[in-house]
């Protein structure tokens, strides 16, 4: 059986939730880009405390940035797909909450190392 079309308020609520989901997704994606740099810098700081090999440190930083970028890309695509396909189930909001928590943890780690 077909669902009845959304009434006025339900349609506005759906559009507002979709807009909010897009803005939250965009904010976590933008912060994730900054986090790639911060993770690389944190890795280089930790490495510099124990060694002075600049070539090895540079290579390590590049590999960390590569894997961080891959993780960021996977998160952004997965979060968008989850949120926009299952927004009524709340799974996307949980994913955004976990993503924001991890990003805040990286920020804390960056400022404490």
Protein backbone atom coordinates (compact mmCIF):
# COMPACT_ATOMS: atom_id res chain seq x y z
CA UNK A 1 0.00 0.00 0.00
CA UNK A 2 1.32 3.45 -0.88
CA UNK A 3 2.02 5.90 1.90
CA UNK A 4 -0.03 9.04 1.99
CA UNK A 5 1.86 12.17 0.98
CA UNK A 6 3.47 14.06 3.82
CA UNK A 7 1.34 16.72 5.43
CA UNK A 8 2.60 20.30 5.65
CA UNK A 9 4.41 20.17 9.00
CA UNK A 10 5.78 16.67 8.45
CA UNK A 11 7.22 17.76 5.11
CA UNK A 12 8.82 20.88 6.63
CA UNK A 13 10.21 18.76 9.47
CA UNK A 14 11.63 16.26 6.98
CA UNK A 15 13.28 19.02 4.95
CA UNK A 16 14.72 20.66 8.09
CA UNK A 17 16.09 17.34 9.34
CA UNK A 18 17.66 16.70 5.94
CA UNK A 19 19.22 20.17 5.97
CA UNK A 20 20.50 19.66 9.51
CA UNK A 21 21.94 16.27 8.55
CA UNK A 22 23.72 17.83 5.58
CA UNK A 23 25.17 20.63 7.70
CA UNK A 24 26.37 18.22 10.39
CA UNK A 25 27.87 15.97 7.71
CA UNK A 26 29.60 18.96 6.12
CA UNK A 27 30.98 20.15 9.47
CA UNK A 28 32.36 16.72 10.38
CA UNK A 29 33.85 16.36 6.90
CA UNK A 30 35.55 19.76 7.13
CA UNK A 31 36.88 19.06 10.60
CA UNK A 32 38.10 15.69 9.35
CA UNK A 33 40.23 17.41 6.72
CA UNK A 34 41.90 19.48 9.43
CA UNK A 35 42.34 16.32 11.50
CA UNK A 36 44.45 14.74 8.74
CA UNK A 37 47.00 17.51 9.18
CA UNK A 38 46.80 17.30 12.97
CA UNK A 39 47.33 13.53 13.01
CA UNK A 40 50.37 13.93 10.74
CA UNK A 41 51.81 16.66 12.95
CA UNK A 42 51.19 14.63 16.10
CA UNK A 43 52.96 11.65 14.55
CA UNK A 44 55.92 13.82 13.58
CA UNK A 45 56.11 15.31 17.08
CA UNK A 46 56.14 11.88 18.69
CA UNK A 47 58.71 10.61 16.20
CA UNK A 48 60.92 13.66 16.72
CA UNK A 49 61.11 12.97 20.46
CA UNK A 50 62.79 9.64 19.84
CA UNK A 51 64.75 10.16 16.63
CA UNK A 52 66.30 12.83 14.45
CA UNK A 53 66.06 10.97 11.13
CA UNK A 54 64.33 13.51 8.93
CA UNK A 55 63.87 11.24 5.91
CA UNK A 56 62.23 8.52 7.97
CA UNK A 57 60.07 11.05 9.81
CA UNK A 58 58.91 12.58 6.54
CA UNK A 59 58.07 9.18 5.07
CA UNK A 60 56.23 8.18 8.24
CA UNK A 61 54.27 11.44 8.20
CA UNK A 62 53.33 10.92 4.56
CA UNK A 63 52.11 7.37 5.21
CA UNK A 64 50.10 8.49 8.22
CA UNK A 65 48.52 11.27 6.15
CA UNK A 66 47.74 8.76 3.38
CA UNK A 67 45.97 6.36 5.75
CA UNK A 68 44.22 9.21 7.57
CA UNK A 69 42.93 10.55 4.25
CA UNK A 70 41.66 7.10 3.27
CA UNK A 71 39.92 6.72 6.61
CA UNK A 72 38.43 10.21 6.26
CA UNK A 73 37.14 9.44 2.76
CA UNK A 74 35.58 6.17 3.89
CA UNK A 75 33.92 7.90 6.86
CA UNK A 76 32.53 10.75 4.77
CA UNK A 77 31.01 8.44 2.16
CA UNK A 78 29.69 5.95 4.72
CA UNK A 79 28.23 8.69 6.94
CA UNK A 80 26.47 10.33 4.01
CA UNK A 81 25.02 7.08 2.77
CA UNK A 82 23.91 6.01 6.24
CA UNK A 83 22.37 9.36 7.13
CA UNK A 84 20.50 10.00 3.94
CA UNK A 85 19.21 6.45 3.52
CA UNK A 86 18.32 5.71 7.15
CA UNK A 87 17.67 9.13 8.66
CA UNK A 88 14.40 8.04 10.22
CA UNK A 89 16.10 5.18 12.10
CA UNK A 90 18.66 7.37 13.85
CA UNK A 91 21.65 5.29 12.74
CA UNK A 92 23.19 8.26 10.95
CA UNK A 93 23.03 10.45 14.05
CA UNK A 94 24.86 7.79 16.08
CA UNK A 95 27.54 7.66 13.41
CA UNK A 96 27.93 11.44 13.49
CA UNK A 97 28.19 11.35 17.28
CA UNK A 98 30.95 8.73 17.15
CA UNK A 99 32.75 10.67 14.40
CA UNK A 100 32.60 13.90 16.39
CA UNK A 101 33.85 12.11 19.52
CA UNK A 102 36.83 10.67 17.65
CA UNK A 103 37.61 14.05 16.08
CA UNK A 104 37.51 15.73 19.50
CA UNK A 105 39.77 13.00 20.87
CA UNK A 106 42.27 13.71 18.09
CA UNK A 107 42.14 17.43 18.94
CA UNK A 108 42.82 16.68 22.61
CA UNK A 109 45.69 14.39 21.66
CA UNK A 110 47.16 17.06 19.35
CA UNK A 111 47.14 19.71 22.07
CA UNK A 112 48.53 17.41 24.76
CA UNK A 113 51.44 15.92 22.78
